[in-house]
N, C-alpha and C. Protein backbone atom coordinates (compact mmCIF):
# COMPACT_ATOMS: atom_id res chain seq x y z
N MET A 1 84.45 72.52 103.59
CA MET A 1 85.08 72.19 104.85
C MET A 1 84.01 72.11 105.92
N ALA A 2 84.28 71.34 106.91
CA ALA A 2 83.30 71.15 107.98
C ALA A 2 83.23 72.35 108.92
N LEU A 3 84.28 73.17 108.96
CA LEU A 3 84.26 74.35 109.84
C LEU A 3 83.65 75.57 109.17
N TRP A 4 83.63 75.60 107.85
CA TRP A 4 83.03 76.71 107.12
C TRP A 4 82.59 76.18 105.76
N GLY A 5 81.78 76.93 105.07
CA GLY A 5 81.32 76.52 103.75
C GLY A 5 79.89 76.04 103.77
N SER A 6 79.45 75.52 102.65
CA SER A 6 78.05 75.14 102.51
C SER A 6 77.68 73.89 103.30
N HIS A 7 78.63 73.07 103.66
CA HIS A 7 78.36 71.84 104.42
C HIS A 7 78.94 71.94 105.83
N ARG A 8 78.87 73.14 106.40
CA ARG A 8 79.43 73.39 107.72
C ARG A 8 78.73 72.55 108.78
N VAL A 9 79.49 72.04 109.73
CA VAL A 9 78.95 71.26 110.85
C VAL A 9 78.86 72.20 112.04
N SER A 10 77.64 72.54 112.43
CA SER A 10 77.44 73.55 113.47
C SER A 10 77.88 73.08 114.85
N SER A 11 78.00 71.78 115.08
CA SER A 11 78.39 71.29 116.40
C SER A 11 79.90 71.36 116.65
N LEU A 12 80.69 71.65 115.63
CA LEU A 12 82.14 71.79 115.83
C LEU A 12 82.42 73.08 116.57
N THR A 13 83.27 73.00 117.57
CA THR A 13 83.54 74.17 118.41
C THR A 13 84.92 74.77 118.19
N HIS A 14 85.71 74.19 117.30
CA HIS A 14 87.05 74.71 117.05
C HIS A 14 86.97 75.95 116.15
N PRO A 15 87.83 76.93 116.39
CA PRO A 15 87.85 78.08 115.48
C PRO A 15 88.44 77.67 114.13
N PRO A 16 88.01 78.32 113.06
CA PRO A 16 88.54 77.97 111.74
C PRO A 16 90.06 78.08 111.64
N THR A 17 90.66 78.96 112.42
CA THR A 17 92.12 79.11 112.36
C THR A 17 92.86 77.90 112.91
N ALA A 18 92.16 76.98 113.56
CA ALA A 18 92.81 75.79 114.11
C ALA A 18 93.36 74.88 113.01
N VAL A 19 92.86 75.01 111.79
CA VAL A 19 93.33 74.14 110.70
C VAL A 19 94.55 74.71 109.98
N LEU A 20 94.91 75.94 110.25
CA LEU A 20 96.02 76.57 109.53
C LEU A 20 97.34 75.81 109.68
N PRO A 21 97.72 75.34 110.87
CA PRO A 21 98.97 74.56 110.95
C PRO A 21 98.92 73.28 110.10
N SER A 22 97.76 72.66 110.02
CA SER A 22 97.63 71.47 109.18
C SER A 22 97.77 71.82 107.71
N PHE A 23 97.19 72.94 107.31
CA PHE A 23 97.34 73.39 105.92
C PHE A 23 98.81 73.59 105.59
N LEU A 24 99.54 74.22 106.49
CA LEU A 24 100.96 74.47 106.26
C LEU A 24 101.73 73.16 106.11
N LYS A 25 101.43 72.20 106.95
CA LYS A 25 102.10 70.90 106.88
C LYS A 25 101.83 70.21 105.54
N VAL A 26 100.59 70.25 105.08
CA VAL A 26 100.23 69.61 103.81
C VAL A 26 100.90 70.31 102.64
N LEU A 27 101.08 71.62 102.73
CA LEU A 27 101.73 72.34 101.64
C LEU A 27 103.18 71.90 101.44
N GLU A 28 103.77 71.31 102.45
CA GLU A 28 105.15 70.82 102.34
C GLU A 28 105.26 69.64 101.36
N SER A 29 104.13 69.06 100.97
CA SER A 29 104.16 67.94 100.02
C SER A 29 104.46 68.41 98.60
N ASN A 30 104.36 69.71 98.35
CA ASN A 30 104.62 70.29 97.03
C ASN A 30 103.73 69.72 95.93
N ASP A 31 102.51 69.34 96.28
CA ASP A 31 101.54 68.86 95.31
C ASP A 31 100.68 70.04 94.88
N SER A 32 100.71 70.36 93.60
CA SER A 32 100.02 71.57 93.11
C SER A 32 98.50 71.48 93.26
N ILE A 33 97.93 70.31 93.11
CA ILE A 33 96.47 70.18 93.25
C ILE A 33 96.05 70.40 94.70
N ILE A 34 96.82 69.85 95.63
CA ILE A 34 96.52 70.05 97.04
C ILE A 34 96.69 71.52 97.40
N ALA A 35 97.74 72.15 96.90
CA ALA A 35 97.95 73.57 97.17
C ALA A 35 96.79 74.40 96.64
N TYR A 36 96.29 74.05 95.47
CA TYR A 36 95.14 74.76 94.89
C TYR A 36 93.91 74.61 95.78
N GLU A 37 93.64 73.42 96.27
CA GLU A 37 92.49 73.19 97.15
C GLU A 37 92.63 73.97 98.45
N ILE A 38 93.83 74.07 98.97
CA ILE A 38 94.06 74.83 100.20
C ILE A 38 93.81 76.31 99.95
N VAL A 39 94.28 76.82 98.83
CA VAL A 39 94.04 78.22 98.49
C VAL A 39 92.55 78.50 98.37
N LEU A 40 91.82 77.61 97.73
CA LEU A 40 90.36 77.79 97.63
C LEU A 40 89.71 77.79 99.01
N SER A 41 90.13 76.89 99.87
CA SER A 41 89.57 76.84 101.22
C SER A 41 89.89 78.10 102.01
N LEU A 42 91.11 78.59 101.87
CA LEU A 42 91.48 79.83 102.56
C LEU A 42 90.69 81.02 102.04
N GLN A 43 90.44 81.05 100.74
CA GLN A 43 89.62 82.13 100.17
C GLN A 43 88.22 82.10 100.76
N ARG A 44 87.64 80.91 100.86
CA ARG A 44 86.30 80.78 101.45
C ARG A 44 86.31 81.23 102.91
N LEU A 45 87.34 80.84 103.64
CA LEU A 45 87.45 81.22 105.05
C LEU A 45 87.54 82.72 105.21
N VAL A 46 88.38 83.36 104.42
CA VAL A 46 88.55 84.82 104.51
C VAL A 46 87.27 85.53 104.09
N LYS A 47 86.65 85.06 103.03
CA LYS A 47 85.42 85.68 102.56
C LYS A 47 84.31 85.58 103.61
N ARG A 48 84.21 84.44 104.24
CA ARG A 48 83.17 84.23 105.25
C ARG A 48 83.41 85.06 106.50
N ASN A 49 84.66 85.27 106.87
CA ASN A 49 85.01 85.94 108.12
C ASN A 49 85.62 87.32 107.90
N ALA A 50 85.41 87.92 106.76
CA ALA A 50 86.05 89.20 106.44
C ALA A 50 85.65 90.31 107.39
N GLU A 51 84.46 90.26 107.91
CA GLU A 51 83.98 91.34 108.78
C GLU A 51 84.41 91.17 110.23
N GLU A 52 84.95 90.02 110.57
CA GLU A 52 85.34 89.76 111.97
C GLU A 52 86.71 90.25 112.28
């Protein structure tokens, strides 16, 4: 993801939590592959920000 992860874009100023409503909207599609990718992204986000 551009907000966190190995290819993070440092010039982005939005907090990582700004994408959560979009994740929720996409989950409404009931696509298991998309849901899996969202779970992986959330795991990375939590792991990166666990101390905050």
